[in-house]
Amino acid sequence: MKKKTFIQGTIIASIAIIFVKILGALYVIPFYDIIGEQGGALYSYAYNIYNLFLTISITGFPVAISKLVSEYNEKRMYDAKSKVFKISKKIIAIISIISFLIVFIFAPSIAKIFIGELEGGNSIGDIAFVIRIISISLLIIPFLSITRGYLQGHKFITESTNSQIIEQVVRIIIVLGGSYLAINVFNKSIPFGVGCALIGSFFGGVVALLYLNNKIKNNKDKFDTEKENKVFISNKEIIKKFIIYSIPSIIISIASSIYDTVDQILVLRGANMFGFSVSDSEVISSIISTWGVKICMIITAVGMAISINAIPHMVESFVKKDMIEVNKKFIHILKTGIFISLPLAIGVSILSEPLYTLFYGESTYGPLILKVVVFAVVFASFSTILNTALIAINQYKIIYINTFIGIILNLACDLPFMFLFNKLGLFPIWGASLSTIFSYSISIGLALFLLKKEFNFKYNDLFKSVLKIIITCLVMLIPLLLLNKVVDWQSYSIIKSFLIMILYALIGGIIFVVTSYKNNLLYEIFGKDVIDKFLIKLHLKKGE
């Protein structure tokens, strides 16, 4: 085990995030083929409620533990550091057991919240069954999370990221193997097959936790390497700091889960009101809350991985009270997120039909929903980037205000926007995505306004760059739309469609990069030194 510098740790963590997200996006192709659309709806019910309770159980705690361990380690207060780990495990044990019991016992009631009195699709009994299966993971994943935080606090980044990859690989093996054997070999029901898949989260967590515990056990000498500074820290003080450091991240993640769960419930009810069958309504709600979002996961992973690199530098400027520099770095984080996410989202929207078919097979509603929901995902990602930056400068109050208002707006606007789209003769489910975009836009705008009021932040540079990004995206968009007019995706095989999608990506990517270079966007985002070094290397290679 070796400690990593900030740059090394950031690179390792970014690569791991992207790799795990790619795995998470790709495994659904064979999995969805095994369980089908109704099985997909069941899986979505279970996973969304699990994510909500998992968020309550663990989100923020790894960050809190990492900050506390790092703080006490730096001061050589090893006894206090050990207390942090022991206390955190006790807190997590209590929260995990309570969360598990709530989900397991009240699974039928939770299932009824999802479908109400609707009949003709998945039954309350089937939904309750899969929710109870996934609830078992609440007993193991929280412990995995805080162990990662403990290692990250010591700057042991490689082991923490390795555990993420191990967890994902084991989970995917069980998801695919369990569901396939249950449904296609032993001829069990779809709900049973989905249950076999969901148990993969538990076993993935077990294997990853065993790996981390083994690493800690075999490398105890690398945790406390200097003489201890004996300063007494009470349990009460540790718990207080633990809670203060945890709350902002918890709020952000709970908000994201609530957005997904609210959308799933209201879209399910709304679709049924507009004349869709219960079965189709379930499929539609699962696409907008789970399956469509999974295709977009790489977008959010890339945007977050690149943007997050600048945040520690922002913290450094904030500690020095150099608010002009904080303003500059804040703007750069936001610009980077938009620069990465927006063109990728446009590409996914244009290729929604072949992409959705590649992942899940032919679908009546999937491509329609993906075409628009990808932009809702981008706004959600942008909101997360913004709130992460706010955490870096301790602006917790702004996080609470903008998050609360965003949730209320989304809850209030989902059904009205769907009714509006239906009245206009458009696909009504687009209204739910527009509601998400609208609510995130207001919460983001409010956060920017409050920062301007509090610190006199200036956004002229941000607005100029966003305008350049939009123009660059439009330049990229026009030839792709023209190409789309002559391509008949339904007449091509999966392999041909995949090859044509690569062609789209190459054309769009080249146009976007060349245009970004000509209007200096590349220099603004990545810096003159980085771009010039790359161009010099490229020129030298051509000379060879």
Protein backbone atom coordinates (compact mmCIF):
# COMPACT_ATOMS: atom_id res chain seq x y z
CA MET A 1 0.00 0.00 0.00
CA LYS A 2 1.35 3.40 -0.98
CA LYS A 3 0.02 6.86 -0.23
CA LYS A 4 -0.76 9.00 -3.26
CA THR A 5 -0.22 12.66 -3.99
CA PHE A 6 -3.26 14.73 -4.85
CA ILE A 7 -2.60 14.51 -8.59
CA GLN A 8 -1.95 10.75 -8.49
CA GLY A 9 -5.04 10.17 -6.36
CA THR A 10 -7.22 12.29 -8.62
CA ILE A 11 -6.08 10.46 -11.75
CA ILE A 12 -6.59 7.03 -10.16
CA ALA A 13 -10.01 7.97 -8.75
CA SER A 14 -11.14 9.51 -12.07
CA ILE A 15 -10.12 6.45 -14.08
CA ALA A 16 -11.85 4.16 -11.59
CA ILE A 17 -15.08 6.22 -11.64
CA ILE A 18 -15.21 6.19 -15.42
CA PHE A 19 -14.38 2.46 -15.62
CA VAL A 20 -17.03 1.53 -13.03
CA LYS A 21 -19.63 3.71 -14.77
CA ILE A 22 -18.82 2.14 -18.14
CA LEU A 23 -19.23 -1.34 -16.64
CA GLY A 24 -22.47 -0.20 -15.05
CA ALA A 25 -23.76 1.03 -18.39
CA LEU A 26 -22.68 -1.95 -20.50
CA TYR A 27 -23.89 -4.86 -18.35
CA VAL A 28 -27.50 -3.74 -18.76
CA ILE A 29 -27.41 -4.74 -22.45
CA PRO A 30 -27.43 -8.52 -21.79
CA PHE A 31 -29.28 -8.12 -18.47
CA TYR A 32 -32.24 -6.30 -20.00
CA ASP A 33 -32.41 -8.95 -22.70
CA ILE A 34 -32.73 -11.61 -19.98
CA ILE A 35 -35.42 -9.95 -17.81
CA GLY A 36 -37.39 -7.98 -20.43
CA GLU A 37 -39.32 -4.74 -19.98
CA GLN A 38 -41.56 -5.92 -17.13
CA GLY A 39 -38.55 -7.32 -15.30
CA GLY A 40 -36.82 -4.02 -15.95
CA ALA A 41 -39.70 -2.20 -14.26
CA LEU A 42 -39.42 -4.52 -11.23
CA TYR A 43 -35.67 -3.97 -11.02
CA SER A 44 -36.25 -0.22 -11.22
CA TYR A 45 -38.74 -0.22 -8.33
CA ALA A 46 -36.33 -2.13 -6.08
CA TYR A 47 -33.20 -0.20 -7.01
CA ASN A 48 -34.70 3.27 -6.68
CA ILE A 49 -36.02 2.65 -3.16
CA TYR A 50 -32.74 0.92 -2.23
CA ASN A 51 -30.72 3.89 -3.52
CA LEU A 52 -32.86 6.26 -1.47
CA PHE A 53 -32.29 4.34 1.79
CA LEU A 54 -28.65 3.65 0.95
CA THR A 55 -28.20 7.39 0.45
CA ILE A 56 -29.69 8.03 3.88
CA SER A 57 -27.49 5.30 5.39
CA ILE A 58 -24.08 6.19 3.97
CA THR A 59 -23.83 9.29 1.80
CA GLY A 60 -21.62 11.90 3.39
CA PHE A 61 -20.11 9.51 5.91
CA PRO A 62 -17.11 8.49 3.74
CA VAL A 63 -16.38 12.20 3.17
CA ALA A 64 -16.73 12.93 6.89
CA ILE A 65 -14.49 10.03 7.90
CA SER A 66 -11.93 10.95 5.25
CA LYS A 67 -11.80 14.58 6.46
CA LEU A 68 -11.60 13.61 10.14
CA VAL A 69 -8.98 10.90 9.62
CA SER A 70 -6.93 13.24 7.45
CA GLU A 71 -7.22 16.03 10.01
CA TYR A 72 -6.18 13.88 13.01
CA ASN A 73 -3.52 12.06 11.00
CA GLU A 74 -1.93 15.36 10.02
CA LYS A 75 -1.83 16.35 13.72
CA ARG A 76 -0.47 12.87 14.64
CA MET A 77 -3.50 12.34 16.90
CA TYR A 78 -3.68 8.61 16.21
CA ASP A 79 -5.87 7.75 19.19
CA ALA A 80 -8.50 10.23 17.99
CA LYS A 81 -8.20 8.84 14.48
CA SER A 82 -8.85 5.30 15.71
CA LYS A 83 -11.83 6.57 17.69
CA VAL A 84 -13.28 8.05 14.50
CA PHE A 85 -13.22 4.66 12.77
CA LYS A 86 -14.67 2.80 15.77
CA ILE A 87 -17.43 5.34 16.41
CA SER A 88 -18.33 5.54 12.73
CA LYS A 89 -18.76 1.76 12.58
CA LYS A 90 -21.13 1.85 15.56
CA ILE A 91 -23.17 4.68 14.04
CA ILE A 92 -23.32 2.91 10.69
CA ALA A 93 -24.35 -0.39 12.33
CA ILE A 94 -27.36 1.28 13.97
CA ILE A 95 -28.40 3.17 10.83
CA SER A 96 -27.95 0.11 8.59
CA ILE A 97 -30.07 -2.17 10.77
CA ILE A 98 -32.83 0.43 11.09
CA SER A 99 -32.83 1.07 7.31
CA PHE A 100 -32.90 -2.66 6.56
CA LEU A 101 -35.81 -3.30 8.95
CA ILE A 102 -37.85 -0.38 7.57
CA VAL A 103 -37.40 -1.48 3.95
CA PHE A 104 -37.88 -5.20 4.66
CA ILE A 105 -40.93 -4.87 6.93
CA PHE A 106 -42.69 -2.15 5.00
CA ALA A 107 -41.88 -3.47 1.49
CA PRO A 108 -45.61 -4.11 0.66
CA SER A 109 -46.49 -0.56 1.72
CA ILE A 110 -43.63 0.85 -0.34
CA ALA A 111 -44.80 -1.22 -3.33
CA LYS A 112 -48.29 0.23 -2.93
CA ILE A 113 -46.88 3.76 -2.93
CA PHE A 114 -45.39 3.02 -6.36
CA ILE A 115 -48.42 1.50 -8.10
CA GLY A 116 -51.38 2.42 -5.88
CA GLU A 117 -54.53 0.70 -7.11
CA LEU A 118 -53.22 0.12 -10.64
CA GLU A 119 -53.72 -3.41 -11.95
CA GLY A 120 -52.48 -5.26 -15.02
CA GLY A 121 -48.72 -4.91 -14.50
CA ASN A 122 -46.38 -6.12 -11.78
CA SER A 123 -48.22 -7.08 -8.59
CA ILE A 124 -47.62 -5.57 -5.15
CA GLY A 125 -46.39 -9.00 -4.02
CA ASP A 126 -43.74 -9.15 -6.78
CA ILE A 127 -42.56 -5.60 -6.10
CA ALA A 128 -42.40 -6.26 -2.34
CA PHE A 129 -40.39 -9.45 -2.98
CA VAL A 130 -37.65 -7.72 -4.99
CA ILE A 131 -37.53 -4.78 -2.54
CA ARG A 132 -36.95 -7.23 0.33
CA ILE A 133 -34.16 -8.95 -1.60
CA ILE A 134 -32.29 -5.71 -2.26
CA SER A 135 -32.81 -4.54 1.35
CA ILE A 136 -30.28 -7.16 2.55
CA SER A 137 -27.53 -5.11 0.89
CA LEU A 138 -28.22 -2.31 3.39
CA LEU A 139 -26.52 -4.50 6.02
CA ILE A 140 -23.15 -4.59 4.21
CA ILE A 141 -22.68 -1.67 1.78
CA PRO A 142 -22.58 1.07 4.48
CA PHE A 143 -19.62 -0.67 6.18
CA LEU A 144 -17.84 -0.86 2.82
CA SER A 145 -18.43 2.85 2.35
CA ILE A 146 -16.90 3.98 5.65
CA THR A 147 -13.92 1.65 5.22
CA ARG A 148 -13.21 3.36 1.90
CA GLY A 149 -13.44 6.73 3.64
CA TYR A 150 -10.95 5.57 6.30
CA LEU A 151 -8.42 4.55 3.63
CA GLN A 152 -8.96 7.74 1.60
CA GLY A 153 -8.24 9.78 4.72
CA HIS A 154 -4.81 8.10 4.81
CA LYS A 155 -4.35 8.81 1.07
CA PHE A 156 -4.52 5.10 0.21
CA ILE A 157 -6.50 5.79 -2.96
CA THR A 158 -5.56 2.72 -5.02
CA GLU A 159 -7.03 0.22 -2.57
CA SER A 160 -10.25 2.20 -2.24
CA THR A 161 -10.74 2.43 -6.01
CA ASN A 162 -9.77 -1.23 -6.49
CA SER A 163 -12.58 -2.16 -4.11
CA GLN A 164 -15.06 -0.25 -6.30
CA ILE A 165 -13.99 -2.23 -9.33
CA ILE A 166 -14.11 -5.53 -7.39
CA GLU A 167 -17.58 -4.72 -6.08
CA GLN A 168 -18.89 -3.87 -9.55
CA VAL A 169 -17.36 -6.93 -11.25
CA VAL A 170 -18.70 -9.38 -8.63
CA ARG A 171 -22.11 -7.71 -8.73
CA ILE A 172 -22.31 -7.90 -12.52
CA ILE A 173 -21.28 -11.59 -12.57
CA ILE A 174 -24.08 -12.42 -10.12
CA VAL A 175 -26.60 -10.13 -11.83
CA LEU A 176 -26.07 -11.75 -15.23
CA GLY A 177 -25.36 -15.31 -14.04
CA GLY A 178 -28.14 -15.38 -11.43
CA SER A 179 -30.87 -13.96 -13.65
CA TYR A 180 -29.89 -16.11 -16.65
CA LEU A 181 -29.78 -19.37 -14.67
CA ALA A 182 -33.02 -18.62 -12.83
CA ILE A 183 -35.06 -17.69 -15.91
CA ASN A 184 -33.49 -19.62 -18.79
CA VAL A 185 -32.11 -22.76 -17.09
CA PHE A 186 -34.35 -23.40 -14.09
CA ASN A 187 -37.44 -21.81 -15.70
CA LYS A 188 -38.23 -19.66 -12.68
CA SER A 189 -40.46 -16.57 -12.84
CA ILE A 190 -39.24 -13.11 -13.90
CA PRO A 191 -39.56 -11.73 -10.33
CA PHE A 192 -37.40 -14.62 -9.04
CA GLY A 193 -34.80 -13.90 -11.74
CA VAL A 194 -34.78 -10.20 -10.84
CA GLY A 195 -34.36 -11.17 -7.17
CA CYS A 196 -31.33 -13.33 -8.05
CA ALA A 197 -29.85 -10.34 -9.86
CA LEU A 198 -30.49 -7.91 -7.00
CA ILE A 199 -28.66 -10.10 -4.47
CA GLY A 200 -25.52 -9.34 -6.48
CA SER A 201 -25.19 -6.01 -4.63
CA PHE A 202 -24.86 -7.83 -1.31
CA PHE A 203 -22.19 -10.28 -2.50
CA GLY A 204 -20.28 -7.57 -4.39
CA GLY A 205 -20.15 -5.58 -1.15
CA VAL A 206 -19.02 -8.61 0.90
CA VAL A 207 -16.11 -9.42 -1.43
CA ALA A 208 -14.99 -5.77 -1.66
CA LEU A 209 -15.15 -5.35 2.14
CA LEU A 210 -13.12 -8.54 2.70
CA TYR A 211 -10.51 -7.17 0.28
CA LEU A 212 -10.25 -3.85 2.17
CA ASN A 213 -10.20 -5.42 5.63
CA ASN A 214 -7.43 -7.75 4.49
CA LYS A 215 -5.42 -4.77 3.19
CA ILE A 216 -5.82 -2.92 6.51
CA LYS A 217 -4.94 -6.02 8.56
CA ASN A 218 -1.77 -6.75 6.57
CA ASN A 219 -0.53 -3.14 6.49
CA LYS A 220 -1.10 -1.85 10.03
CA ASP A 221 2.44 -0.49 10.20
CA LYS A 222 1.69 1.99 7.38
CA PHE A 223 -1.14 3.77 9.19
CA ASP A 224 0.75 5.28 12.16
CA THR A 225 4.34 5.99 11.12
CA GLU A 226 5.29 8.90 13.41
CA LYS A 227 5.36 9.64 17.12
CA GLU A 228 1.88 10.22 18.49
CA ASN A 229 0.75 13.66 19.66
CA LYS A 230 -1.36 12.74 22.68
CA VAL A 231 -4.32 15.13 22.75
CA PHE A 232 -7.61 13.97 24.23
CA ILE A 233 -10.63 14.28 21.93
CA SER A 234 -13.99 13.30 23.38
CA ASN A 235 -16.42 11.00 21.60
CA LYS A 236 -18.97 13.82 21.69
CA GLU A 237 -16.67 16.14 19.73
CA ILE A 238 -15.92 13.45 17.14
CA ILE A 239 -19.62 12.66 16.66
CA LYS A 240 -20.41 16.38 16.33
CA LYS A 241 -17.78 16.87 13.60
CA PHE A 242 -18.85 13.62 11.95
CA ILE A 243 -22.43 14.90 11.61
CA ILE A 244 -21.45 18.42 10.48
CA TYR A 245 -19.17 17.08 7.73
CA SER A 246 -21.76 14.52 6.57
CA ILE A 247 -24.95 16.52 6.25
CA PRO A 248 -24.27 18.52 3.02
CA SER A 249 -23.35 15.44 0.97
CA ILE A 250 -26.33 13.56 2.41
CA ILE A 251 -28.69 16.36 1.37
CA ILE A 252 -27.31 16.43 -2.18
CA SER A 253 -27.58 12.66 -2.67
CA ILE A 254 -31.01 12.35 -1.06
CA ALA A 255 -32.21 15.11 -3.35
CA SER A 256 -31.02 13.16 -6.39
CA SER A 257 -32.76 9.99 -5.19
CA ILE A 258 -35.96 11.92 -4.44
CA TYR A 259 -35.93 13.40 -7.95
CA ASP A 260 -35.75 9.87 -9.43
CA THR A 261 -38.34 8.37 -7.09
CA VAL A 262 -40.81 11.26 -7.52
CA ASP A 263 -40.44 11.05 -11.30
CA GLN A 264 -41.05 7.30 -11.25
CA ILE A 265 -44.20 7.56 -9.12
CA LEU A 266 -45.72 10.60 -10.88
CA VAL A 267 -44.85 9.39 -14.38
CA LEU A 268 -46.44 6.03 -13.58
CA ARG A 269 -49.66 7.72 -12.46
CA GLY A 270 -49.56 10.38 -15.18
CA ALA A 271 -48.98 7.92 -18.03
CA ASN A 272 -51.98 5.90 -16.88
CA MET A 273 -54.10 9.08 -16.85
CA PHE A 274 -53.15 9.74 -20.47
CA GLY A 275 -54.48 6.34 -21.57
CA PHE A 276 -51.34 4.20 -21.44
CA SER A 277 -51.93 0.69 -20.11
CA VAL A 278 -50.63 -0.15 -16.62
CA SER A 279 -47.97 -2.38 -18.17
CA ASP A 280 -46.80 0.38 -20.55
CA SER A 281 -46.95 2.95 -17.73
CA GLU A 282 -44.60 0.80 -15.63
CA VAL A 283 -42.18 0.44 -18.53
CA ILE A 284 -42.25 4.20 -19.21
CA SER A 285 -41.65 5.14 -15.56
CA SER A 286 -38.76 2.66 -15.27
CA ILE A 287 -37.15 4.03 -18.45
CA ILE A 288 -37.27 7.65 -17.26
CA SER A 289 -36.04 6.88 -13.74
CA THR A 290 -33.56 4.03 -14.30
CA TRP A 291 -32.87 2.54 -17.72
CA GLY A 292 -32.59 5.72 -19.77
CA VAL A 293 -30.41 7.25 -17.06
CA LYS A 294 -28.04 4.24 -17.15
CA ILE A 295 -27.17 5.00 -20.79
CA CYS A 296 -26.26 8.55 -19.70
CA MET A 297 -24.02 7.47 -16.80
CA ILE A 298 -20.79 7.86 -18.76
CA ILE A 299 -21.67 11.51 -19.47
CA THR A 300 -22.04 12.32 -15.79
CA ALA A 301 -18.95 10.29 -14.85
CA VAL A 302 -16.68 12.08 -17.34
CA GLY A 303 -18.04 15.51 -16.42
CA MET A 304 -17.64 14.92 -12.69
CA ALA A 305 -14.20 13.26 -12.98
CA ILE A 306 -12.72 16.21 -14.90
CA SER A 307 -14.47 18.98 -12.97
CA ILE A 308 -13.73 17.60 -9.50
CA ASN A 309 -9.98 17.98 -10.10
CA ALA A 310 -10.17 21.76 -9.67
CA ILE A 311 -12.06 21.74 -6.37
CA PRO A 312 -9.08 21.20 -3.96
CA HIS A 313 -7.41 24.24 -5.53
CA MET A 314 -10.62 26.18 -4.88
CA VAL A 315 -10.46 25.13 -1.20
CA GLU A 316 -6.87 26.36 -1.03
CA SER A 317 -7.87 29.82 -2.30
CA PHE A 318 -10.86 29.93 0.05
CA VAL A 319 -8.68 29.20 3.09
CA LYS A 320 -6.42 32.08 2.01
CA LYS A 321 -9.57 34.26 1.70
CA ASP A 322 -8.66 35.10 -1.90
CA MET A 323 -12.27 35.35 -3.12
CA ILE A 324 -11.30 36.68 -6.55
CA GLU A 325 -9.34 33.49 -7.18
CA VAL A 326 -12.18 31.40 -5.68
CA ASN A 327 -14.55 33.08 -8.14
CA LYS A 328 -12.25 32.23 -11.07
CA LYS A 329 -11.87 28.59 -10.05
CA PHE A 330 -15.58 28.25 -9.38
CA ILE A 331 -16.37 29.52 -12.88
CA HIS A 332 -13.78 27.14 -14.37
CA ILE A 333 -15.38 24.13 -12.67
CA LEU A 334 -18.81 25.05 -14.07
CA LYS A 335 -17.45 25.75 -17.58
CA THR A 336 -15.66 22.40 -17.63
CA GLY A 337 -18.82 20.54 -16.63
CA ILE A 338 -20.86 22.20 -19.41
CA PHE A 339 -18.11 21.81 -22.01
CA ILE A 340 -17.90 18.05 -21.41
CA SER A 341 -21.56 17.22 -20.78
CA LEU A 342 -23.52 19.24 -23.35
CA PRO A 343 -22.00 17.91 -26.61
CA LEU A 344 -22.16 14.33 -25.30
CA ALA A 345 -25.83 14.84 -24.39
CA ILE A 346 -26.59 16.16 -27.87
CA GLY A 347 -24.89 13.12 -29.37
CA VAL A 348 -26.94 10.73 -27.19
CA SER A 349 -30.15 12.60 -28.10
CA ILE A 350 -29.46 12.37 -31.85
CA LEU A 351 -28.55 8.69 -31.56
CA SER A 352 -31.33 7.84 -29.07
CA GLU A 353 -32.96 5.24 -31.34
CA PRO A 354 -29.90 3.09 -32.19
CA LEU A 355 -28.41 3.58 -28.71
CA TYR A 356 -31.51 2.44 -26.87
CA THR A 357 -31.95 -0.49 -29.27
CA LEU A 358 -28.29 -1.49 -28.76
CA PHE A 359 -28.74 -1.53 -24.98
CA TYR A 360 -32.24 -2.94 -24.56
CA GLY A 361 -33.57 -4.04 -27.93
CA GLU A 362 -36.49 -2.50 -29.80
CA SER A 363 -38.78 -0.32 -27.68
CA THR A 364 -41.77 1.86 -28.47
CA TYR A 365 -41.04 4.43 -25.79
CA GLY A 366 -37.34 4.05 -24.94
CA PRO A 367 -35.82 6.16 -27.76
CA LEU A 368 -38.50 8.85 -27.32
CA ILE A 369 -37.74 9.19 -23.62
CA LEU A 370 -33.95 8.97 -23.99
CA LYS A 371 -34.02 11.77 -26.59
CA VAL A 372 -35.04 14.25 -23.86
CA VAL A 373 -34.16 12.67 -20.51
CA VAL A 374 -30.44 12.90 -21.36
CA PHE A 375 -30.68 16.70 -20.94
CA ALA A 376 -32.36 16.26 -17.55
CA VAL A 377 -29.38 14.06 -16.57
CA VAL A 378 -26.98 16.80 -17.68
CA PHE A 379 -28.75 19.38 -15.50
CA ALA A 380 -28.67 16.95 -12.57
CA SER A 381 -24.95 16.41 -13.13
CA PHE A 382 -24.35 20.15 -13.37
CA SER A 383 -26.25 20.67 -10.11
CA THR A 384 -24.07 18.06 -8.41
CA ILE A 385 -20.90 19.75 -9.69
CA LEU A 386 -22.18 23.10 -8.43
CA ASN A 387 -23.08 21.74 -4.99
CA THR A 388 -19.73 19.95 -4.69
CA ALA A 389 -18.03 23.27 -5.31
CA LEU A 390 -20.26 24.88 -2.66
CA ILE A 391 -19.17 22.21 -0.16
CA ALA A 392 -15.56 23.14 -0.93
CA ILE A 393 -16.20 26.72 0.24
CA ASN A 394 -18.47 25.75 3.17
CA GLN A 395 -21.64 27.26 1.68
CA TYR A 396 -23.97 24.69 3.24
CA LYS A 397 -26.90 27.09 3.66
CA ILE A 398 -27.03 27.73 -0.09
CA ILE A 399 -26.98 23.96 -0.74
CA TYR A 400 -29.94 23.42 1.58
CA ILE A 401 -31.97 26.29 0.07
CA ASN A 402 -31.44 25.47 -3.61
CA THR A 403 -31.90 21.71 -3.07
CA PHE A 404 -35.17 22.12 -1.16
CA ILE A 405 -36.61 24.53 -3.72
CA GLY A 406 -35.58 22.23 -6.60
CA ILE A 407 -37.34 19.22 -5.06
CA ILE A 408 -40.55 21.18 -4.37
CA LEU A 409 -40.60 22.58 -7.92
CA ASN A 410 -40.08 19.15 -9.48
CA LEU A 411 -42.85 17.68 -7.32
CA ALA A 412 -45.20 20.53 -8.25
CA CYS A 413 -44.42 20.67 -11.98
CA ASP A 414 -44.18 17.00 -13.06
CA LEU A 415 -47.89 16.38 -13.73
CA PRO A 416 -48.76 19.93 -14.96
CA PHE A 417 -45.93 19.81 -17.50
CA MET A 418 -47.06 16.36 -18.66
CA PHE A 419 -50.62 17.65 -19.09
CA LEU A 420 -49.27 20.67 -21.02
CA PHE A 421 -47.30 18.48 -23.43
CA ASN A 422 -50.31 16.22 -23.89
CA LYS A 423 -52.50 19.25 -24.64
CA LEU A 424 -49.97 20.44 -27.24
CA GLY A 425 -50.09 17.03 -28.95
CA LEU A 426 -46.56 16.14 -27.89
CA PHE A 427 -45.34 13.01 -26.09
CA PRO A 428 -46.59 13.77 -22.53
CA ILE A 429 -43.69 12.04 -20.74
CA TRP A 430 -41.33 14.70 -22.07
CA GLY A 431 -43.08 17.01 -19.61
CA ALA A 432 -41.53 15.12 -16.68
CA SER A 433 -38.01 15.64 -18.09
CA LEU A 434 -38.78 19.30 -18.71
CA SER A 435 -39.98 19.58 -15.11
CA THR A 436 -36.62 18.19 -13.92
CA ILE A 437 -34.69 20.58 -16.19
CA PHE A 438 -36.82 23.52 -15.03
CA SER A 439 -36.47 22.74 -11.31
CA TYR A 440 -32.71 22.21 -11.54
CA SER A 441 -32.36 25.43 -13.58
CA ILE A 442 -34.14 27.46 -10.90
CA SER A 443 -32.12 25.88 -8.06
CA ILE A 444 -28.84 26.44 -9.95
CA GLY A 445 -29.79 30.04 -10.78
CA LEU A 446 -30.71 30.68 -7.15
CA ALA A 447 -27.34 29.32 -5.95
CA LEU A 448 -25.48 31.59 -8.39
CA PHE A 449 -27.55 34.59 -7.25
CA LEU A 450 -26.88 33.90 -3.55
CA LEU A 451 -23.14 33.55 -4.23
CA LYS A 452 -23.15 36.88 -6.06
CA LYS A 453 -24.98 38.47 -3.14
CA GLU A 454 -22.69 36.90 -0.50
CA PHE A 455 -19.28 37.19 -2.20
CA ASN A 456 -19.94 39.49 -5.17
CA PHE A 457 -19.14 36.67 -7.62
CA LYS A 458 -19.02 37.78 -11.24
CA TYR A 459 -20.30 35.54 -14.05
CA ASN A 460 -19.47 37.47 -17.23
CA ASP A 461 -16.74 34.99 -18.15
CA LEU A 462 -19.09 32.06 -17.51
CA PHE A 463 -21.86 33.48 -19.70
CA LYS A 464 -19.42 34.23 -22.54
CA SER A 465 -18.04 30.69 -22.42
CA VAL A 466 -21.51 29.11 -22.24
CA LEU A 467 -22.51 31.10 -25.33
CA LYS A 468 -19.39 29.83 -27.14
CA ILE A 469 -20.16 26.25 -26.08
CA ILE A 470 -23.75 26.54 -27.35
CA ILE A 471 -22.60 27.97 -30.70
CA THR A 472 -19.96 25.22 -31.00
CA CYS A 473 -22.61 22.58 -30.26
CA LEU A 474 -24.89 24.06 -32.92
CA VAL A 475 -22.06 23.93 -35.47
CA MET A 476 -21.62 20.25 -34.55
CA LEU A 477 -25.36 19.58 -34.52
CA ILE A 478 -26.26 20.75 -38.04
CA PRO A 479 -24.25 18.16 -40.06
CA LEU A 480 -25.32 15.38 -37.66
CA LEU A 481 -29.00 16.26 -38.14
CA LEU A 482 -28.51 16.31 -41.91
CA LEU A 483 -26.83 12.90 -41.71
CA ASN A 484 -29.73 11.64 -39.60
CA LYS A 485 -32.12 12.55 -42.42
CA VAL A 486 -30.56 10.00 -44.77
CA VAL A 487 -29.88 7.21 -42.26
CA ASP A 488 -32.67 4.70 -41.71
CA TRP A 489 -31.68 3.01 -38.45
CA GLN A 490 -34.43 0.40 -38.61
CA SER A 491 -33.00 -1.09 -41.79
CA TYR A 492 -29.58 -1.80 -40.27
CA SER A 493 -28.35 -4.68 -38.15
CA ILE A 494 -26.94 -4.05 -34.65
CA ILE A 495 -23.35 -4.26 -35.92
CA LYS A 496 -23.97 -1.83 -38.80
CA SER A 497 -25.78 0.56 -36.46
CA PHE A 498 -22.85 0.44 -34.03
CA LEU A 499 -20.35 1.23 -36.80
CA ILE A 500 -22.47 4.13 -38.05
CA MET A 501 -22.73 5.47 -34.49
CA ILE A 502 -18.92 5.48 -34.32
CA LEU A 503 -18.92 7.47 -37.58
CA TYR A 504 -21.34 9.98 -36.02
CA ALA A 505 -19.10 10.26 -32.95
CA LEU A 506 -16.00 10.87 -35.09
CA ILE A 507 -17.69 13.51 -37.25
CA GLY A 508 -19.27 15.27 -34.26
CA GLY A 509 -16.11 15.04 -32.17
CA ILE A 510 -13.84 16.42 -34.88
CA ILE A 511 -16.20 19.32 -35.63
CA PHE A 512 -16.57 20.15 -31.93
CA VAL A 513 -12.83 20.03 -31.18
CA VAL A 514 -11.84 22.05 -34.29
CA THR A 515 -14.51 24.69 -33.62
CA SER A 516 -13.52 24.83 -29.93
CA TYR A 517 -9.90 25.39 -30.97
CA LYS A 518 -10.79 28.18 -33.40
CA ASN A 519 -12.92 30.09 -30.89
CA ASN A 520 -10.34 29.53 -28.09
CA LEU A 521 -12.67 27.37 -25.99
CA LEU A 522 -10.03 24.64 -25.68
CA TYR A 523 -7.58 27.18 -24.26
CA GLU A 524 -10.18 28.48 -21.79
CA ILE A 525 -11.05 25.00 -20.50
CA PHE A 526 -7.73 23.14 -20.51
CA GLY A 527 -5.23 26.01 -20.40
CA LYS A 528 -2.78 27.31 -22.98
CA ASP A 529 0.18 25.24 -21.72
CA VAL A 530 -1.67 21.92 -21.98
CA ILE A 531 -3.04 22.60 -25.49
CA ASP A 532 0.26 23.98 -26.82
CA LYS A 533 2.22 20.99 -25.48
CA PHE A 534 -0.26 18.63 -27.12
CA LEU A 535 -0.03 20.49 -30.44
CA ILE A 536 3.79 20.45 -30.31
CA LYS A 537 3.82 16.69 -29.70
CA LEU A 538 1.31 16.18 -32.51
CA HIS A 539 3.43 18.28 -34.86
CA LEU A 540 6.59 16.34 -33.93
CA LYS A 541 4.88 13.01 -34.59
CA LYS A 542 3.74 14.22 -38.00
CA GLY A 543 7.30 15.34 -38.72
CA GLU A 544 8.57 11.86 -37.98
